[in-house]
């Protein structure tokens, strides 16, 4: 089963994805999670966390001059070019495991080595959950569809509470 989650920035995509992981209960999970440096204060930046192994790299730093929305961060491409590619190449794919990629956005599509790694892993069999920012969906959806992902499931405030259990059930049914 391969599921593609999408939604606006701040819609709860990553929260839904983490809940799906928890509810589905796969013993082996690998991939990347994007997490805030501080859950209570998202203005401090974001980090990539590898699964398993729990290694991390900071990829979004607050800009000294400030800014609004995503533009308030300075992004570190090397976090994706090196660490992200390395983690994606090591992802375990099997019927009794799951891989996750949270999340793909407009910044990542500019990093050729990362796009290539995403393309390769998307083509592999197995259980997968990929989160894509809605504003980047036009770029990432064709790559993921070519790998067997179906129609994107959009996370909204109206469905955020029900989605984790519904999506986890799809994984457990196979």
N, C-alpha and C. Protein backbone atom coordinates (compact mmCIF):
# COMPACT_ATOMS: atom_id res chain seq x y z
N UNK A 1 0.85 -1.17 0.00
CA UNK A 1 0.00 0.00 0.00
C UNK A 1 0.90 1.23 0.00
N UNK A 2 0.59 2.18 -0.87
CA UNK A 2 1.32 3.45 -0.93
C UNK A 2 0.33 4.59 -0.86
N UNK A 3 0.52 5.48 0.11
CA UNK A 3 -0.41 6.59 0.31
C UNK A 3 0.33 7.90 0.23
N UNK A 4 -0.27 8.84 -0.47
CA UNK A 4 0.26 10.19 -0.63
C UNK A 4 -0.67 11.15 0.11
N UNK A 5 -0.13 11.83 1.13
CA UNK A 5 -0.88 12.84 1.89
C UNK A 5 -0.47 14.22 1.40
N UNK A 6 -1.43 15.12 1.29
CA UNK A 6 -1.12 16.49 0.92
C UNK A 6 -1.98 17.43 1.73
N UNK A 7 -1.69 18.70 1.60
CA UNK A 7 -2.45 19.73 2.31
C UNK A 7 -1.66 21.01 2.37
N UNK A 8 -2.32 22.04 2.80
CA UNK A 8 -1.67 23.35 2.93
C UNK A 8 -0.66 23.31 4.08
N UNK A 9 0.27 24.24 4.07
CA UNK A 9 1.22 24.37 5.17
C UNK A 9 0.43 24.62 6.45
N UNK A 10 0.74 23.85 7.48
CA UNK A 10 0.07 24.00 8.76
C UNK A 10 -1.26 23.28 8.88
N UNK A 11 -1.61 22.46 7.88
CA UNK A 11 -2.91 21.77 7.91
C UNK A 11 -2.92 20.53 8.80
N UNK A 12 -1.74 20.08 9.22
CA UNK A 12 -1.68 18.90 10.06
C UNK A 12 -1.21 17.64 9.36
N UNK A 13 -0.61 17.79 8.18
CA UNK A 13 -0.15 16.63 7.42
C UNK A 13 0.83 15.76 8.21
N UNK A 14 1.81 16.39 8.79
CA UNK A 14 2.84 15.64 9.53
C UNK A 14 2.25 14.99 10.77
N UNK A 15 1.34 15.66 11.42
CA UNK A 15 0.68 15.10 12.60
C UNK A 15 -0.11 13.86 12.21
N UNK A 16 -0.85 13.95 11.11
CA UNK A 16 -1.62 12.79 10.63
C UNK A 16 -0.67 11.65 10.29
N UNK A 17 0.43 11.95 9.61
CA UNK A 17 1.38 10.90 9.22
C UNK A 17 1.96 10.19 10.44
N UNK A 18 2.34 10.95 11.46
CA UNK A 18 2.90 10.33 12.67
C UNK A 18 1.85 9.47 13.38
N UNK A 19 0.61 9.90 13.37
CA UNK A 19 -0.47 9.11 13.99
C UNK A 19 -0.72 7.82 13.20
N UNK A 20 -0.65 7.91 11.87
CA UNK A 20 -0.81 6.70 11.04
C UNK A 20 0.27 5.69 11.41
N UNK A 21 1.51 6.16 11.54
CA UNK A 21 2.62 5.27 11.94
C UNK A 21 2.31 4.59 13.28
N UNK A 22 1.86 5.39 14.22
CA UNK A 22 1.58 4.86 15.56
C UNK A 22 0.47 3.82 15.53
N UNK A 23 -0.62 4.13 14.84
CA UNK A 23 -1.79 3.25 14.83
C UNK A 23 -1.53 1.99 14.00
N UNK A 24 -0.87 2.13 12.86
CA UNK A 24 -0.62 0.97 11.99
C UNK A 24 0.28 -0.06 12.67
N UNK A 25 1.18 0.41 13.51
CA UNK A 25 1.95 -0.49 14.34
C UNK A 25 2.99 -1.36 13.65
N UNK A 26 3.55 -0.90 12.54
CA UNK A 26 4.61 -1.66 11.90
C UNK A 26 5.81 -1.78 12.84
N UNK A 27 6.39 -2.96 12.92
CA UNK A 27 7.55 -3.17 13.79
C UNK A 27 8.79 -2.47 13.24
N UNK A 28 8.88 -2.38 11.92
CA UNK A 28 10.03 -1.72 11.29
C UNK A 28 9.54 -0.56 10.43
N UNK A 29 10.03 0.61 10.76
CA UNK A 29 9.70 1.83 10.01
C UNK A 29 11.02 2.52 9.69
N UNK A 30 11.16 2.95 8.45
CA UNK A 30 12.35 3.70 8.06
C UNK A 30 11.94 4.89 7.23
N UNK A 31 12.86 5.84 7.08
CA UNK A 31 12.58 7.02 6.29
C UNK A 31 12.97 8.30 7.01
N UNK A 32 12.28 9.37 6.65
CA UNK A 32 12.58 10.70 7.18
C UNK A 32 11.32 11.38 7.69
N UNK A 33 11.46 12.03 8.83
CA UNK A 33 10.39 12.89 9.36
C UNK A 33 10.92 14.31 9.43
N UNK A 34 10.07 15.26 9.12
CA UNK A 34 10.38 16.68 9.29
C UNK A 34 9.69 17.14 10.57
N UNK A 35 10.49 17.64 11.51
CA UNK A 35 9.95 18.02 12.81
C UNK A 35 10.41 19.42 13.19
N UNK A 36 9.57 20.15 13.92
CA UNK A 36 10.02 21.47 14.41
C UNK A 36 11.11 21.28 15.46
N UNK A 37 11.99 22.25 15.57
CA UNK A 37 13.02 22.22 16.60
C UNK A 37 12.38 22.22 17.98
N UNK A 38 11.25 22.89 18.09
CA UNK A 38 10.52 23.01 19.36
C UNK A 38 9.03 22.95 19.03
N UNK A 39 8.33 21.92 19.48
CA UNK A 39 6.90 21.76 19.17
C UNK A 39 6.06 22.96 19.60
N UNK A 40 6.47 23.63 20.67
CA UNK A 40 5.68 24.77 21.16
C UNK A 40 6.00 26.06 20.42
N UNK A 41 7.16 26.10 19.73
CA UNK A 41 7.59 27.32 19.06
C UNK A 41 8.20 26.96 17.71
N UNK A 42 7.35 26.86 16.70
CA UNK A 42 7.81 26.45 15.37
C UNK A 42 8.67 27.50 14.68
N UNK A 43 8.79 28.67 15.26
CA UNK A 43 9.62 29.72 14.65
C UNK A 43 11.11 29.45 14.84
N UNK A 44 11.46 28.45 15.63
CA UNK A 44 12.87 28.15 15.91
C UNK A 44 13.54 27.34 14.81
N UNK A 45 12.77 26.79 13.87
CA UNK A 45 13.36 26.03 12.77
C UNK A 45 12.84 24.60 12.72
N UNK A 46 13.42 23.84 11.77
CA UNK A 46 12.98 22.46 11.54
C UNK A 46 14.17 21.56 11.33
N UNK A 47 13.94 20.26 11.60
CA UNK A 47 15.00 19.28 11.48
C UNK A 47 14.48 18.03 10.79
N UNK A 48 15.38 17.31 10.14
CA UNK A 48 15.07 16.00 9.57
C UNK A 48 15.49 14.95 10.58
N UNK A 49 14.63 13.98 10.82
CA UNK A 49 14.91 12.89 11.75
C UNK A 49 14.85 11.58 10.97
N UNK A 50 15.91 10.79 11.05
CA UNK A 50 15.92 9.51 10.35
C UNK A 50 15.26 8.43 11.20
N UNK A 51 14.61 7.51 10.51
CA UNK A 51 14.01 6.34 11.15
C UNK A 51 14.57 5.11 10.45
N UNK A 52 15.02 4.08 11.09
CA UNK A 52 15.36 4.07 12.51
C UNK A 52 16.68 4.80 12.72
N UNK A 53 17.18 4.72 13.89
CA UNK A 53 18.48 5.30 14.17
C UNK A 53 18.42 6.66 14.83
N UNK A 54 17.36 7.39 14.55
CA UNK A 54 17.13 8.66 15.23
C UNK A 54 18.27 9.66 15.03
N UNK A 55 18.92 9.64 13.87
CA UNK A 55 19.90 10.67 13.58
C UNK A 55 19.13 11.87 13.04
N UNK A 56 19.71 13.06 13.16
CA UNK A 56 19.00 14.23 12.68
C UNK A 56 19.94 15.28 12.11
N UNK A 57 19.36 16.13 11.26
CA UNK A 57 20.06 17.28 10.70
C UNK A 57 19.07 18.45 10.68
N UNK A 58 19.54 19.61 11.05
CA UNK A 58 18.72 20.82 10.97
C UNK A 58 18.72 21.27 9.52
N UNK A 59 17.53 21.61 9.00
CA UNK A 59 17.46 22.05 7.62
C UNK A 59 16.81 23.42 7.45
N UNK A 60 16.20 23.96 8.48
CA UNK A 60 15.57 25.28 8.37
C UNK A 60 15.92 26.10 9.61
N UNK A 61 16.58 27.22 9.36
CA UNK A 61 17.04 28.12 10.42
C UNK A 61 16.29 29.45 10.31
N UNK A 62 15.93 30.07 11.40
CA UNK A 62 15.29 31.39 11.31
C UNK A 62 16.24 32.40 10.66
N UNK A 63 15.70 33.22 9.78
CA UNK A 63 16.50 34.30 9.16
C UNK A 63 16.64 35.44 10.17
N UNK A 64 17.80 36.04 10.19
CA UNK A 64 18.04 37.16 11.10
C UNK A 64 17.10 38.32 10.80
N UNK A 65 16.79 38.50 9.50
CA UNK A 65 15.94 39.63 9.11
C UNK A 65 14.45 39.31 9.20
N UNK A 66 14.11 38.12 9.65
CA UNK A 66 12.71 37.76 9.81
C UNK A 66 12.08 37.32 8.50
N UNK A 67 10.81 37.56 8.34
CA UNK A 67 10.07 37.14 7.16
C UNK A 67 8.72 36.61 7.59
N UNK A 68 7.90 36.26 6.59
CA UNK A 68 6.55 35.77 6.85
C UNK A 68 6.44 34.36 6.30
N UNK A 69 5.76 33.49 7.03
CA UNK A 69 5.53 32.13 6.56
C UNK A 69 6.83 31.39 6.34
N UNK A 70 6.87 30.50 5.32
CA UNK A 70 8.06 29.71 5.06
C UNK A 70 9.29 30.57 4.72
N UNK A 71 9.06 31.77 4.23
CA UNK A 71 10.16 32.65 3.86
C UNK A 71 10.94 33.17 5.06
N UNK A 72 10.45 32.92 6.26
CA UNK A 72 11.17 33.38 7.46
C UNK A 72 12.34 32.47 7.80
N UNK A 73 12.53 31.38 7.01
CA UNK A 73 13.62 30.43 7.27
C UNK A 73 14.67 30.44 6.18
N UNK A 74 15.90 30.22 6.59
CA UNK A 74 17.00 29.96 5.67
C UNK A 74 17.12 28.44 5.62
N UNK A 75 17.14 27.89 4.42
CA UNK A 75 17.14 26.44 4.27
C UNK A 75 18.52 25.92 3.92
N UNK A 76 18.88 24.79 4.48
CA UNK A 76 20.19 24.18 4.27
C UNK A 76 20.07 23.01 3.31
N UNK A 77 20.43 23.23 2.05
CA UNK A 77 20.31 22.18 1.04
C UNK A 77 21.16 20.96 1.36
N UNK A 78 22.29 21.15 2.05
CA UNK A 78 23.16 20.01 2.36
C UNK A 78 22.48 18.98 3.26
N UNK A 79 21.49 19.41 4.03
CA UNK A 79 20.75 18.45 4.85
C UNK A 79 20.04 17.43 3.97
N UNK A 80 19.58 17.85 2.80
CA UNK A 80 18.91 16.95 1.86
C UNK A 80 19.92 16.28 0.93
N UNK A 81 20.89 17.06 0.43
CA UNK A 81 21.87 16.53 -0.53
C UNK A 81 22.69 15.40 0.05
N UNK A 82 23.02 15.48 1.31
CA UNK A 82 23.87 14.47 1.93
C UNK A 82 23.04 13.56 2.83
N UNK A 83 22.58 14.08 3.92
CA UNK A 83 21.87 13.28 4.92
C UNK A 83 20.59 12.66 4.34
N UNK A 84 19.73 13.47 3.71
CA UNK A 84 18.47 12.97 3.18
C UNK A 84 18.66 11.88 2.15
N UNK A 85 19.59 12.08 1.22
CA UNK A 85 19.85 11.08 0.18
C UNK A 85 20.38 9.80 0.83
N UNK A 86 21.29 9.93 1.78
CA UNK A 86 21.84 8.75 2.48
C UNK A 86 20.73 7.96 3.16
N UNK A 87 19.83 8.64 3.85
CA UNK A 87 18.74 7.95 4.55
C UNK A 87 17.81 7.28 3.55
N UNK A 88 17.45 7.95 2.46
CA UNK A 88 16.55 7.35 1.48
C UNK A 88 17.17 6.12 0.82
N UNK A 89 18.47 6.14 0.59
CA UNK A 89 19.13 4.97 0.00
C UNK A 89 19.14 3.79 0.96
N UNK A 90 19.04 4.04 2.25
CA UNK A 90 19.09 2.95 3.23
C UNK A 90 17.71 2.49 3.70
N UNK A 91 16.65 3.05 3.13
CA UNK A 91 15.30 2.68 3.56
C UNK A 91 15.02 1.21 3.28
N UNK A 92 14.46 0.57 4.29
CA UNK A 92 14.10 -0.84 4.17
C UNK A 92 12.69 -0.95 3.58
N UNK A 93 12.55 -1.78 2.58
CA UNK A 93 11.26 -1.98 1.93
C UNK A 93 10.91 -3.46 1.98
N UNK A 94 9.79 -3.78 2.65
CA UNK A 94 9.28 -5.15 2.70
C UNK A 94 7.80 -5.09 3.02
N UNK A 95 7.15 -6.25 2.92
CA UNK A 95 5.71 -6.29 3.18
C UNK A 95 5.36 -6.07 4.65
N UNK A 96 6.29 -6.35 5.55
CA UNK A 96 5.99 -6.19 6.97
C UNK A 96 6.66 -4.95 7.57
N UNK A 97 7.08 -4.05 6.70
CA UNK A 97 7.67 -2.79 7.16
C UNK A 97 6.99 -1.63 6.43
N UNK A 98 7.35 -0.43 6.83
CA UNK A 98 6.79 0.76 6.20
C UNK A 98 7.89 1.80 6.10
N UNK A 99 7.89 2.55 4.99
CA UNK A 99 8.79 3.70 4.91
C UNK A 99 7.95 4.96 4.79
N UNK A 100 8.51 6.04 5.33
CA UNK A 100 7.80 7.31 5.35
C UNK A 100 8.75 8.41 4.88
N UNK A 101 8.16 9.37 4.19
CA UNK A 101 8.90 10.56 3.76
C UNK A 101 8.02 11.76 4.05
N UNK A 102 8.42 12.53 5.05
CA UNK A 102 7.66 13.69 5.51
C UNK A 102 8.62 14.87 5.64
N UNK A 103 8.61 15.83 4.78
CA UNK A 103 7.67 16.02 3.71
C UNK A 103 8.38 16.55 2.49
N UNK A 104 7.73 16.49 1.34
CA UNK A 104 8.29 17.03 0.11
C UNK A 104 7.63 18.37 -0.17
N UNK A 105 8.45 19.36 -0.47
CA UNK A 105 7.94 20.71 -0.74
C UNK A 105 8.59 21.33 -1.94
N UNK A 106 8.49 22.64 -2.04
CA UNK A 106 9.06 23.36 -3.19
C UNK A 106 10.57 23.46 -3.09
N UNK A 107 11.13 23.53 -1.92
CA UNK A 107 12.57 23.63 -1.75
C UNK A 107 13.28 22.36 -2.22
N UNK A 108 12.76 21.21 -1.82
CA UNK A 108 13.40 19.93 -2.11
C UNK A 108 13.46 19.63 -3.61
N UNK A 109 12.51 20.14 -4.38
CA UNK A 109 12.49 19.83 -5.82
C UNK A 109 13.66 20.46 -6.56
N UNK A 110 14.35 21.41 -5.94
CA UNK A 110 15.51 22.05 -6.55
C UNK A 110 16.80 21.28 -6.30
N UNK A 111 16.75 20.22 -5.53
CA UNK A 111 17.95 19.45 -5.18
C UNK A 111 17.93 18.15 -5.99
N UNK A 112 18.68 18.15 -7.10
CA UNK A 112 18.64 17.06 -8.08
C UNK A 112 18.91 15.69 -7.45
N UNK A 113 19.91 15.58 -6.58
CA UNK A 113 20.24 14.28 -5.99
C UNK A 113 19.10 13.77 -5.11
N UNK A 114 18.39 14.68 -4.46
CA UNK A 114 17.28 14.29 -3.60
C UNK A 114 16.09 13.84 -4.46
N UNK A 115 15.81 14.56 -5.53
CA UNK A 115 14.72 14.17 -6.44
C UNK A 115 15.00 12.78 -7.00
N UNK A 116 16.24 12.52 -7.39
CA UNK A 116 16.60 11.20 -7.91
C UNK A 116 16.39 10.12 -6.86
N UNK A 117 16.80 10.38 -5.63
CA UNK A 117 16.60 9.41 -4.55
C UNK A 117 15.12 9.15 -4.29
N UNK A 118 14.30 10.21 -4.32
CA UNK A 118 12.85 10.05 -4.13
C UNK A 118 12.27 9.21 -5.27
N UNK A 119 12.68 9.51 -6.49
CA UNK A 119 12.19 8.76 -7.66
C UNK A 119 12.50 7.26 -7.52
N UNK A 120 13.73 6.95 -7.07
CA UNK A 120 14.14 5.55 -6.94
C UNK A 120 13.35 4.83 -5.85
N UNK A 121 13.22 5.45 -4.70
CA UNK A 121 12.52 4.77 -3.61
C UNK A 121 11.02 4.66 -3.91
N UNK A 122 10.45 5.65 -4.57
CA UNK A 122 9.02 5.60 -4.89
C UNK A 122 8.69 4.42 -5.80
N UNK A 123 9.64 4.01 -6.62
CA UNK A 123 9.43 2.91 -7.56
C UNK A 123 9.51 1.54 -6.90
N UNK A 124 10.00 1.48 -5.67
CA UNK A 124 10.14 0.20 -4.98
C UNK A 124 8.80 -0.23 -4.40
N UNK A 125 8.65 -1.53 -4.25
CA UNK A 125 7.43 -2.09 -3.66
C UNK A 125 7.42 -1.85 -2.16
N UNK A 126 6.30 -2.13 -1.53
CA UNK A 126 6.22 -2.04 -0.08
C UNK A 126 5.23 -1.00 0.39
N UNK A 127 5.10 -0.91 1.69
CA UNK A 127 4.19 0.04 2.33
C UNK A 127 4.89 1.39 2.47
N UNK A 128 4.21 2.44 2.02
CA UNK A 128 4.83 3.76 2.06
C UNK A 128 3.80 4.85 2.32
N UNK A 129 4.26 5.87 3.03
CA UNK A 129 3.45 7.06 3.30
C UNK A 129 4.33 8.27 3.00
N UNK A 130 3.90 9.08 2.04
CA UNK A 130 4.65 10.26 1.64
C UNK A 130 3.78 11.49 1.81
N UNK A 131 4.36 12.52 2.41
CA UNK A 131 3.66 13.78 2.67
C UNK A 131 4.22 14.84 1.73
N UNK A 132 3.32 15.53 1.02
CA UNK A 132 3.71 16.56 0.05
C UNK A 132 2.94 17.84 0.32
N UNK A 133 3.66 18.96 0.39
CA UNK A 133 2.98 20.25 0.51
C UNK A 133 2.10 20.46 -0.72
N UNK A 134 0.90 20.96 -0.52
CA UNK A 134 -0.03 21.15 -1.63
C UNK A 134 0.55 22.05 -2.71
N UNK A 135 1.32 23.05 -2.32
CA UNK A 135 1.89 23.97 -3.30
C UNK A 135 2.98 23.31 -4.14
N UNK A 136 3.45 22.12 -3.76
CA UNK A 136 4.48 21.40 -4.51
C UNK A 136 3.92 20.15 -5.19
N UNK A 137 2.64 19.93 -5.08
CA UNK A 137 2.02 18.70 -5.58
C UNK A 137 2.17 18.53 -7.09
N UNK A 138 2.09 19.61 -7.86
CA UNK A 138 2.22 19.49 -9.32
C UNK A 138 3.56 18.90 -9.72
N UNK A 139 4.59 19.18 -8.94
CA UNK A 139 5.91 18.63 -9.25
C UNK A 139 6.04 17.18 -8.76
N UNK A 140 5.68 16.90 -7.52
CA UNK A 140 5.93 15.60 -6.90
C UNK A 140 4.92 14.52 -7.29
N UNK A 141 3.66 14.87 -7.54
CA UNK A 141 2.64 13.85 -7.82
C UNK A 141 2.98 12.95 -9.01
N UNK A 142 3.44 13.49 -10.15
CA UNK A 142 3.78 12.59 -11.26
C UNK A 142 4.90 11.60 -10.93
N UNK A 143 5.88 12.04 -10.17
CA UNK A 143 6.97 11.16 -9.76
C UNK A 143 6.43 10.04 -8.88
N UNK A 144 5.57 10.39 -7.94
CA UNK A 144 5.01 9.40 -7.02
C UNK A 144 4.01 8.49 -7.73
N UNK A 145 3.20 9.04 -8.63
CA UNK A 145 2.26 8.21 -9.39
C UNK A 145 3.01 7.16 -10.21
N UNK A 146 4.14 7.54 -10.81
CA UNK A 146 4.95 6.60 -11.59
C UNK A 146 5.45 5.47 -10.70
N UNK A 147 5.57 5.72 -9.41
CA UNK A 147 6.00 4.70 -8.46
C UNK A 147 4.86 3.90 -7.85
N UNK A 148 3.63 4.16 -8.28
CA UNK A 148 2.49 3.37 -7.80
C UNK A 148 1.65 4.03 -6.73
N UNK A 149 1.91 5.30 -6.44
CA UNK A 149 1.07 6.02 -5.48
C UNK A 149 -0.22 6.44 -6.18
N UNK A 150 -1.32 6.42 -5.45
CA UNK A 150 -2.61 6.78 -6.02
C UNK A 150 -2.92 8.26 -5.88
N UNK A 151 -4.18 8.56 -5.92
CA UNK A 151 -4.68 9.92 -5.80
C UNK A 151 -4.31 10.47 -4.42
N UNK A 152 -3.84 11.71 -4.35
CA UNK A 152 -3.48 12.28 -3.04
C UNK A 152 -4.68 12.39 -2.11
N UNK A 153 -4.44 12.14 -0.84
CA UNK A 153 -5.43 12.34 0.21
C UNK A 153 -5.12 13.68 0.85
N UNK A 154 -6.08 14.60 0.81
CA UNK A 154 -5.83 15.94 1.35
C UNK A 154 -6.24 16.04 2.82
N UNK A 155 -5.32 16.55 3.62
CA UNK A 155 -5.58 16.79 5.04
C UNK A 155 -6.17 18.18 5.18
N UNK A 156 -7.31 18.26 5.88
CA UNK A 156 -7.97 19.54 6.14
C UNK A 156 -8.36 19.57 7.62
N UNK A 157 -8.69 20.74 8.13
CA UNK A 157 -9.17 20.78 9.52
C UNK A 157 -10.41 19.90 9.73
N UNK A 158 -11.21 19.73 8.70
CA UNK A 158 -12.43 18.95 8.82
C UNK A 158 -12.22 17.44 8.85
N UNK A 159 -11.09 16.94 8.32
CA UNK A 159 -10.90 15.48 8.31
C UNK A 159 -9.68 15.03 9.11
N UNK A 160 -8.96 15.96 9.68
CA UNK A 160 -7.70 15.65 10.37
C UNK A 160 -7.88 14.62 11.49
N UNK A 161 -8.97 14.66 12.21
CA UNK A 161 -9.17 13.75 13.34
C UNK A 161 -9.45 12.32 12.89
N UNK A 162 -10.18 12.15 11.77
CA UNK A 162 -10.56 10.80 11.32
C UNK A 162 -9.52 10.13 10.44
N UNK A 163 -8.69 10.90 9.78
CA UNK A 163 -7.76 10.33 8.79
C UNK A 163 -6.78 9.30 9.35
N UNK A 164 -6.13 9.54 10.48
CA UNK A 164 -5.12 8.56 10.91
C UNK A 164 -5.65 7.13 11.02
N UNK A 165 -6.78 6.94 11.66
CA UNK A 165 -7.29 5.56 11.81
C UNK A 165 -7.77 5.00 10.47
N UNK A 166 -8.36 5.82 9.64
CA UNK A 166 -8.82 5.35 8.33
C UNK A 166 -7.64 4.93 7.45
N UNK A 167 -6.58 5.71 7.44
CA UNK A 167 -5.41 5.38 6.63
C UNK A 167 -4.64 4.19 7.21
N UNK A 168 -4.51 4.14 8.52
CA UNK A 168 -3.83 3.00 9.15
C UNK A 168 -4.56 1.69 8.81
N UNK A 169 -5.89 1.76 8.76
CA UNK A 169 -6.68 0.56 8.42
C UNK A 169 -6.35 0.07 7.01
N UNK A 170 -6.08 0.99 6.09
CA UNK A 170 -5.70 0.60 4.72
C UNK A 170 -4.39 -0.18 4.73
N UNK A 171 -3.44 0.26 5.55
CA UNK A 171 -2.16 -0.45 5.65
C UNK A 171 -2.32 -1.82 6.27
N UNK A 172 -3.15 -1.94 7.28
CA UNK A 172 -3.27 -3.21 7.98
C UNK A 172 -4.07 -4.22 7.16
N UNK A 173 -4.92 -3.74 6.26
CA UNK A 173 -5.67 -4.65 5.37
C UNK A 173 -4.82 -5.11 4.21
N UNK A 174 -3.76 -4.32 3.91
CA UNK A 174 -2.88 -4.68 2.79
C UNK A 174 -3.52 -4.33 1.54
